[in-house]
Amino acid sequence: MLVTGIVIFVIIGATILFINGASFGSLPSLADLKIIQRLPYFRDGQFQNLTPTPSLTEGVGFFSMLREFFFDKSKQNVPRIPLPSRKTDLLQLDRNKNILVWFGHSSYFMQIDGRRILVDPVFSGNASPLRFTTKSFAGSDIYTVSDMPDIDYLFITHDHWDHLDYPTILQLKTKVKRTITGLGVGAHLIFWGFEKEDITEMEWGGQIKTEEGFTVNAVTARHFSGRGLQRNRSQWTSFILTTRNKKIFIGGDSGYDKHFAEIGNRWGPFDMVILEDGQYNKNWKYIHMMPEETVQAAIDLGAKKLLPVHWAKFSLSLHAWDEPIIRIKKEADLKNVHLLHPMIGECVDLDANQIFTSWWEGIQ
């Protein structure tokens, strides 16, 4: 009994030390919490979605979901061979060109009207506090922080591990001029050594003018947040970036809901919308969109072009690795939505209508 007790004590102690490690970040300060608590969508100590949003679909049990998640191996959710790519040299880009380069999953670089923008960068090779789990697909990690130029605006949509990557953020610190994120997320960055005055935390409905000709609106998404045991202590957010020549919807993770049509009616149309397409499942249909819903969200927003992200780097669900792009392309073709589907690293000219290959075909 003594040995058993010691073992349990050691396991509990190790767990406590682990979840209090630096990579888990920090909760908002008391001063920030006083501001957050005044919001109508912060209740019972947590941020709330505007529409009731259960984590699991009605009738789905937690343990049955876990059993399916860990033991359903019926689909090829990790490609057997390295993914193809084209590496664009970001350090030698013409500042006058409006371009986008996707790094896989929800990480991408944009250069718009001379400003360099980076969204949810994850370059560490995994999306988990346990470095040996949730590894990136072979061939998807062709970029590192050293490939990044100085960044004018770093956008972080929320604090999940596949969007806010501790090793990447540490390495980027000296390259980023200004970070824009949702309320509560700044606490992580400050804890990791970022200067508070270089961070702008926005509430849903907020607007800032970063400089002449650049405006950012923070708008709602339907999701959740949290890096450890405590959930929803920081805000999940989508952003509208309006420049002199472009209007871009930077979508974070979100289940489908009426907010897309509301945003489209108020701020649309958009030159391009960037929406999640992947890691969905019938068991958690309210917090991640199905591919067909992503196309409908683009229509709701008034999108001239749709870039689907949140796929082709990590396996966080049960679907085949290429199912998201196959399904969304079929639906986009059916609904006449202009779909962008570049390879990882391929340069997307935001002022042109490019033709992209179906590069995923033939990869098992």
Protein backbone atom coordinates (compact mmCIF):
# COMPACT_ATOMS: atom_id res chain seq x y z
CA MET A 1 0.00 0.00 0.00
CA LEU A 2 2.86 2.36 0.81
CA VAL A 3 4.50 1.75 -2.57
CA THR A 4 1.17 2.28 -4.36
CA GLY A 5 0.63 5.53 -2.49
CA ILE A 6 4.10 6.77 -3.37
CA VAL A 7 3.56 5.91 -7.05
CA ILE A 8 0.21 7.76 -7.10
CA PHE A 9 1.77 10.74 -5.33
CA VAL A 10 4.62 10.87 -7.86
CA ILE A 11 2.22 10.63 -10.82
CA ILE A 12 0.02 13.41 -9.43
CA GLY A 13 3.04 15.58 -8.70
CA ALA A 14 4.50 15.03 -12.17
CA THR A 15 1.14 15.87 -13.77
CA ILE A 16 0.86 19.09 -11.80
CA LEU A 17 4.39 20.11 -12.77
CA PHE A 18 3.72 19.23 -16.39
CA ILE A 19 0.51 21.26 -16.79
CA ASN A 20 2.17 24.21 -15.07
CA GLY A 21 5.02 24.20 -17.57
CA ALA A 22 5.79 27.31 -19.61
CA SER A 23 4.23 25.99 -22.82
CA PHE A 24 0.77 26.00 -21.23
CA GLY A 25 0.93 29.77 -20.93
CA SER A 26 -0.92 31.86 -18.37
CA LEU A 27 -4.42 32.97 -17.43
CA PRO A 28 -5.45 36.65 -17.76
CA SER A 29 -4.30 38.97 -15.00
CA LEU A 30 -6.73 40.30 -12.41
CA ALA A 31 -6.75 43.67 -14.16
CA ASP A 32 -7.59 42.05 -17.51
CA LEU A 33 -10.17 39.82 -15.86
CA LYS A 34 -12.04 42.87 -14.56
CA ILE A 35 -12.42 44.07 -18.15
CA ILE A 36 -13.38 40.63 -19.45
CA GLN A 37 -16.02 40.08 -16.76
CA ARG A 38 -18.01 43.07 -18.01
CA LEU A 39 -18.68 41.42 -21.37
CA PRO A 40 -22.19 40.01 -21.92
CA TYR A 41 -20.72 36.83 -23.41
CA PHE A 42 -18.49 36.09 -20.39
CA ARG A 43 -20.55 34.19 -17.81
CA ASP A 44 -19.87 31.69 -15.05
CA GLY A 45 -16.14 32.37 -15.34
CA GLN A 46 -15.95 31.50 -19.05
CA PHE A 47 -16.32 33.00 -22.50
CA GLN A 48 -19.55 31.79 -24.10
CA ASN A 49 -20.62 31.32 -27.70
CA LEU A 50 -23.52 33.51 -28.79
CA THR A 51 -25.48 30.38 -29.69
CA PRO A 52 -25.61 27.42 -27.27
CA THR A 53 -22.74 25.16 -28.37
CA PRO A 54 -22.27 21.77 -26.73
CA SER A 55 -18.82 20.23 -27.18
CA LEU A 56 -20.36 16.96 -28.31
CA THR A 57 -23.37 16.35 -30.51
CA GLU A 58 -26.58 15.40 -28.74
CA GLY A 59 -26.69 11.70 -27.89
CA VAL A 60 -22.91 11.24 -28.10
CA GLY A 61 -21.25 10.00 -24.91
CA PHE A 62 -17.77 11.10 -23.90
CA PHE A 63 -16.37 7.56 -23.58
CA SER A 64 -17.98 6.33 -26.79
CA MET A 65 -16.42 9.30 -28.56
CA LEU A 66 -13.00 8.46 -27.09
CA ARG A 67 -13.35 4.83 -28.09
CA GLU A 68 -14.17 5.79 -31.68
CA PHE A 69 -11.39 8.38 -31.77
CA PHE A 70 -8.64 6.03 -30.61
CA PHE A 71 -9.74 2.76 -32.17
CA ASP A 72 -11.40 3.64 -35.49
CA LYS A 73 -8.57 3.05 -37.99
CA SER A 74 -10.78 2.51 -41.04
CA LYS A 75 -9.50 5.57 -42.93
CA GLN A 76 -6.05 6.69 -44.03
CA ASN A 77 -5.86 9.80 -41.86
CA VAL A 78 -2.09 10.22 -42.35
CA PRO A 79 -0.60 10.21 -45.88
CA ARG A 80 1.79 7.32 -46.48
CA ILE A 81 4.23 9.41 -48.51
CA PRO A 82 5.55 12.97 -48.02
CA LEU A 83 3.28 15.72 -49.30
CA PRO A 84 4.49 17.69 -52.33
CA SER A 85 5.30 21.36 -51.89
CA ARG A 86 6.77 24.46 -53.53
CA LYS A 87 8.89 26.69 -51.35
CA THR A 88 8.45 30.41 -51.99
CA ASP A 89 11.34 32.57 -50.78
CA LEU A 90 9.55 34.97 -48.43
CA LEU A 91 12.71 36.95 -47.74
CA GLN A 92 13.05 38.03 -51.38
CA LEU A 93 9.44 38.99 -52.12
CA ASP A 94 8.63 42.18 -53.95
CA ARG A 95 6.87 44.37 -51.33
CA ASN A 96 4.49 45.65 -53.99
CA LYS A 97 2.97 42.22 -54.66
CA ASN A 98 -0.18 41.06 -52.87
CA ILE A 99 0.37 37.38 -52.16
CA LEU A 100 -0.47 34.53 -49.79
CA VAL A 101 1.58 31.46 -48.90
CA TRP A 102 -0.06 28.61 -46.99
CA PHE A 103 2.07 26.48 -44.64
CA GLY A 104 -0.48 23.70 -44.07
CA HIS A 105 -3.22 23.53 -41.44
CA SER A 106 -4.19 27.08 -40.36
CA SER A 107 -0.80 28.76 -40.75
CA TYR A 108 -0.22 31.21 -43.59
CA PHE A 109 1.67 34.33 -44.61
CA MET A 110 0.13 37.27 -46.45
CA GLN A 111 1.67 40.35 -47.98
CA ILE A 112 -0.99 42.98 -48.65
CA ASP A 113 -0.41 46.61 -49.63
CA GLY A 114 3.19 46.36 -48.52
CA ARG A 115 2.51 44.89 -45.09
CA ARG A 116 3.61 41.42 -43.97
CA ILE A 117 1.07 39.39 -42.04
CA LEU A 118 1.42 36.00 -40.34
CA VAL A 119 -1.52 33.96 -39.02
CA ASP A 120 -1.45 31.13 -36.44
CA PRO A 121 2.10 29.92 -37.22
CA VAL A 122 2.98 26.36 -36.18
CA PHE A 123 6.47 25.31 -37.27
CA SER A 124 7.53 22.99 -34.43
CA GLY A 125 6.43 19.73 -36.04
CA ASN A 126 3.55 18.89 -33.73
CA ALA A 127 0.38 20.34 -32.22
CA SER A 128 0.35 19.03 -28.68
CA PRO A 129 2.00 19.59 -25.29
CA LEU A 130 3.44 16.08 -25.73
CA ARG A 131 6.10 16.43 -28.40
CA PHE A 132 5.79 12.84 -29.57
CA THR A 133 2.06 13.14 -30.36
CA THR A 134 0.01 14.92 -33.05
CA LYS A 135 2.99 15.12 -35.37
CA SER A 136 2.87 17.00 -38.65
CA PHE A 137 2.63 15.05 -41.89
CA ALA A 138 5.85 14.24 -43.70
CA GLY A 139 6.58 16.95 -46.24
CA SER A 140 4.43 19.60 -44.56
CA ASP A 141 7.20 21.26 -42.53
CA ILE A 142 9.18 23.00 -45.26
CA TYR A 143 9.26 26.36 -43.43
CA THR A 144 10.90 27.43 -40.20
CA VAL A 145 11.00 30.74 -38.37
CA SER A 146 14.29 31.55 -40.10
CA ASP A 147 12.39 31.63 -43.41
CA MET A 148 10.13 34.41 -42.12
CA PRO A 149 10.81 38.09 -42.84
CA ASP A 150 10.02 40.71 -40.22
CA ILE A 151 6.30 40.59 -39.53
CA ASP A 152 4.17 43.72 -39.30
CA TYR A 153 1.08 41.96 -37.91
CA LEU A 154 0.87 38.57 -36.23
CA PHE A 155 -2.71 37.32 -35.87
CA ILE A 156 -3.57 34.59 -33.34
CA THR A 157 -7.18 33.40 -33.65
CA HIS A 158 -7.24 31.39 -30.41
CA ASP A 159 -4.97 29.55 -28.00
CA HIS A 160 -5.32 25.89 -29.03
CA TRP A 161 -2.01 24.10 -29.61
CA ASP A 162 -2.55 23.78 -33.37
CA HIS A 163 -2.89 27.59 -33.63
CA LEU A 164 -0.67 28.97 -30.87
CA ASP A 165 2.63 27.10 -30.93
CA TYR A 166 4.94 27.83 -28.01
CA PRO A 167 8.32 27.03 -29.68
CA THR A 168 7.38 28.95 -32.82
CA ILE A 169 6.14 31.99 -30.90
CA LEU A 170 9.34 32.13 -28.82
CA GLN A 171 11.48 32.14 -31.95
CA LEU A 172 9.30 34.73 -33.67
CA LYS A 173 9.38 37.19 -30.78
CA THR A 174 12.08 39.46 -32.20
CA LYS A 175 10.55 39.49 -35.70
CA VAL A 176 7.02 40.59 -34.79
CA LYS A 177 6.13 44.27 -34.57
CA ARG A 178 2.51 43.92 -33.44
CA THR A 179 0.31 41.01 -32.38
CA ILE A 180 -3.47 41.10 -32.75
CA THR A 181 -5.57 38.51 -30.95
CA GLY A 182 -8.66 37.92 -28.82
CA LEU A 183 -9.15 38.84 -25.18
CA GLY A 184 -7.18 36.70 -22.76
CA VAL A 185 -4.75 35.30 -25.32
CA GLY A 186 -2.28 38.09 -24.63
CA ALA A 187 -1.64 36.64 -21.17
CA HIS A 188 0.16 33.70 -22.80
CA LEU A 189 2.31 35.97 -24.92
CA ILE A 190 3.24 38.27 -22.04
CA PHE A 191 4.12 35.22 -19.94
CA TRP A 192 6.43 34.16 -22.78
CA GLY A 193 8.23 37.49 -22.90
CA PHE A 194 6.27 39.64 -25.37
CA GLU A 195 5.87 43.31 -24.51
CA LYS A 196 2.33 44.18 -23.46
CA GLU A 197 2.33 47.40 -25.49
CA ASP A 198 2.99 45.38 -28.67
CA ILE A 199 -0.15 43.26 -28.18
CA THR A 200 -3.69 44.30 -29.11
CA GLU A 201 -6.43 42.14 -27.61
CA MET A 202 -9.84 42.62 -29.20
CA GLU A 203 -13.37 41.80 -28.10
CA TRP A 204 -16.05 40.66 -30.54
CA GLY A 205 -17.38 43.73 -32.32
CA GLY A 206 -14.21 45.72 -31.68
CA GLN A 207 -12.40 47.74 -34.32
CA ILE A 208 -8.90 49.19 -34.54
CA LYS A 209 -7.11 51.23 -37.17
CA THR A 210 -3.56 49.96 -37.10
CA GLU A 211 -2.33 52.63 -39.49
CA GLU A 212 -3.62 54.74 -42.35
CA GLY A 213 -5.53 52.43 -44.67
CA PHE A 214 -5.46 49.37 -42.38
CA THR A 215 -8.48 48.47 -40.24
CA VAL A 216 -9.12 45.31 -38.24
CA ASN A 217 -12.52 44.19 -36.94
CA ALA A 218 -12.82 41.31 -34.48
CA VAL A 219 -15.92 39.19 -35.08
CA THR A 220 -17.48 36.17 -33.47
CA ALA A 221 -16.72 32.52 -34.15
CA ARG A 222 -18.37 29.38 -32.74
CA HIS A 223 -15.70 27.38 -30.99
CA PHE A 224 -13.89 27.16 -27.62
CA SER A 225 -10.43 27.71 -26.14
CA GLY A 226 -7.94 26.38 -23.61
CA ARG A 227 -4.47 24.89 -23.42
CA GLY A 228 -4.83 23.00 -20.15
CA LEU A 229 -7.55 21.81 -17.80
CA GLN A 230 -9.37 25.16 -17.71
CA ARG A 231 -11.40 25.92 -20.82
CA ASN A 232 -12.75 29.12 -22.32
CA ARG A 233 -10.65 31.55 -20.26
CA SER A 234 -9.59 33.29 -23.46
CA GLN A 235 -11.57 34.33 -26.52
CA TRP A 236 -11.69 32.59 -29.91
CA THR A 237 -11.96 35.12 -32.70
CA SER A 238 -12.18 35.72 -36.43
CA PHE A 239 -10.90 38.94 -37.98
CA ILE A 240 -11.79 41.20 -40.87
CA LEU A 241 -8.75 42.89 -42.40
CA THR A 242 -9.59 45.90 -44.55
CA THR A 243 -6.77 47.61 -46.44
CA ARG A 244 -6.76 50.21 -49.21
CA ASN A 245 -7.27 47.53 -51.85
CA LYS A 246 -8.41 44.33 -50.11
CA LYS A 247 -10.97 43.02 -47.68
CA ILE A 248 -10.00 39.65 -46.19
CA PHE A 249 -11.90 37.45 -43.73
CA ILE A 250 -9.40 35.70 -41.45
CA GLY A 251 -11.49 32.88 -40.02
CA GLY A 252 -10.43 31.00 -36.94
CA ASP A 253 -11.96 27.65 -36.05
CA SER A 254 -15.74 27.77 -36.05
CA GLY A 255 -18.80 25.62 -36.31
CA TYR A 256 -21.41 26.72 -38.81
CA ASP A 257 -24.03 29.18 -37.57
CA LYS A 258 -25.97 32.31 -38.48
CA HIS A 259 -23.02 34.56 -37.62
CA PHE A 260 -21.50 34.05 -41.08
CA ALA A 261 -24.57 35.52 -42.79
CA GLU A 262 -24.70 38.34 -40.24
CA ILE A 263 -21.04 39.20 -40.89
CA GLY A 264 -21.58 38.98 -44.64
CA ASN A 265 -24.61 41.26 -44.51
CA ARG A 266 -22.75 43.86 -42.47
CA TRP A 267 -19.20 43.76 -43.87
CA GLY A 268 -19.31 41.74 -47.08
CA PRO A 269 -18.51 41.07 -49.80
CA PHE A 270 -14.93 39.88 -49.25
CA ASP A 271 -12.13 39.56 -51.78
CA MET A 272 -11.09 36.35 -50.02
CA VAL A 273 -12.32 34.36 -47.05
CA ILE A 274 -10.08 31.89 -45.22
CA LEU A 275 -12.15 29.24 -43.47
CA GLU A 276 -11.50 25.97 -41.69
CA ASP A 277 -12.04 22.73 -43.60
CA GLY A 278 -10.87 19.74 -41.64
CA GLN A 279 -10.78 18.00 -38.26
CA TYR A 280 -14.58 17.81 -38.34
CA ASN A 281 -16.69 14.90 -37.14
CA LYS A 282 -20.36 14.12 -36.60
CA ASN A 283 -19.58 13.75 -32.88
CA TRP A 284 -18.52 17.42 -32.52
CA LYS A 285 -20.42 19.05 -35.39
CA TYR A 286 -21.07 22.33 -33.53
CA ILE A 287 -17.43 23.37 -33.12
CA HIS A 288 -16.03 22.44 -36.55
CA MET A 289 -17.73 22.80 -39.93
CA MET A 290 -18.27 20.03 -42.41
CA PRO A 291 -16.78 20.87 -45.85
CA GLU A 292 -20.19 21.55 -47.34
CA GLU A 293 -20.90 23.98 -44.51
CA THR A 294 -17.60 25.75 -45.19
CA VAL A 295 -18.75 26.42 -48.76
CA GLN A 296 -22.07 27.73 -47.45
CA ALA A 297 -20.26 29.96 -44.97
CA ALA A 298 -18.25 31.42 -47.86
CA ILE A 299 -21.48 32.11 -49.73
CA ASP A 300 -22.98 33.69 -46.60
CA LEU A 301 -19.94 35.96 -46.29
CA GLY A 302 -20.10 37.04 -49.92
CA ALA A 303 -16.72 35.56 -50.80
CA LYS A 304 -15.14 36.19 -54.17
CA LYS A 305 -12.55 33.51 -53.33
CA LEU A 306 -12.37 30.79 -50.66
CA LEU A 307 -9.16 29.37 -49.21
CA PRO A 308 -9.83 26.23 -47.11
CA VAL A 309 -7.36 25.68 -44.26
CA HIS A 310 -7.14 23.47 -41.13
CA TRP A 311 -6.10 20.40 -43.14
CA ALA A 312 -3.02 18.72 -44.72
CA LYS A 313 -0.70 18.92 -41.70
CA PHE A 314 -2.18 17.30 -38.59
CA SER A 315 -4.64 14.50 -37.96
CA LEU A 316 -7.02 15.68 -35.23
CA SER A 317 -10.09 13.74 -36.32
CA LEU A 318 -11.10 10.46 -37.97
CA HIS A 319 -11.56 11.43 -41.60
CA ALA A 320 -9.08 10.53 -44.32
CA TRP A 321 -6.33 13.14 -44.61
CA ASP A 322 -7.51 14.26 -48.09
CA GLU A 323 -11.26 14.00 -47.49
CA PRO A 324 -11.65 17.71 -46.59
CA ILE A 325 -10.30 18.95 -49.94
CA ILE A 326 -12.14 16.31 -51.97
CA ARG A 327 -15.48 17.15 -50.38
CA ILE A 328 -15.06 20.92 -50.44
CA LYS A 329 -13.92 20.98 -54.06
CA LYS A 330 -16.95 18.95 -55.10
CA GLU A 331 -19.28 21.30 -53.23
CA ALA A 332 -17.52 24.46 -54.41
CA ASP A 333 -17.76 23.30 -58.04
CA LEU A 334 -21.46 22.56 -57.52
CA LYS A 335 -22.16 25.98 -55.96
CA ASN A 336 -19.83 27.95 -58.29
CA VAL A 337 -17.57 29.12 -55.46
CA HIS A 338 -14.04 30.09 -56.53
CA LEU A 339 -11.84 27.70 -54.52
CA LEU A 340 -8.12 28.23 -53.95
CA HIS A 341 -6.20 25.01 -53.29
CA PRO A 342 -2.46 25.71 -53.50
CA MET A 343 0.27 23.31 -52.44
CA ILE A 344 2.00 24.05 -49.19
CA GLY A 345 4.46 26.87 -49.93
CA GLU A 346 2.99 27.76 -53.32
CA CYS A 347 2.64 31.50 -53.94
CA VAL A 348 -0.95 32.67 -54.40
CA ASP A 349 -1.25 35.93 -56.33
CA LEU A 350 -4.15 37.78 -54.69
CA ASP A 351 -4.56 40.04 -57.72
CA ALA A 352 -4.90 37.25 -60.27
CA ASN A 353 -7.04 34.21 -61.02
CA GLN A 354 -4.64 31.30 -60.80
CA ILE A 355 -5.30 27.72 -61.76
CA PHE A 356 -4.09 25.22 -59.15
CA THR A 357 -3.42 21.54 -59.63
CA SER A 358 -5.26 18.82 -57.73
CA TRP A 359 -1.95 17.98 -56.09
CA TRP A 360 -3.45 15.64 -53.49
CA GLU A 361 -4.66 13.13 -56.09
CA GLY A 362 -2.72 9.89 -56.13
CA ILE A 363 -1.30 10.33 -52.63
CA GLN A 364 -2.25 7.45 -50.36
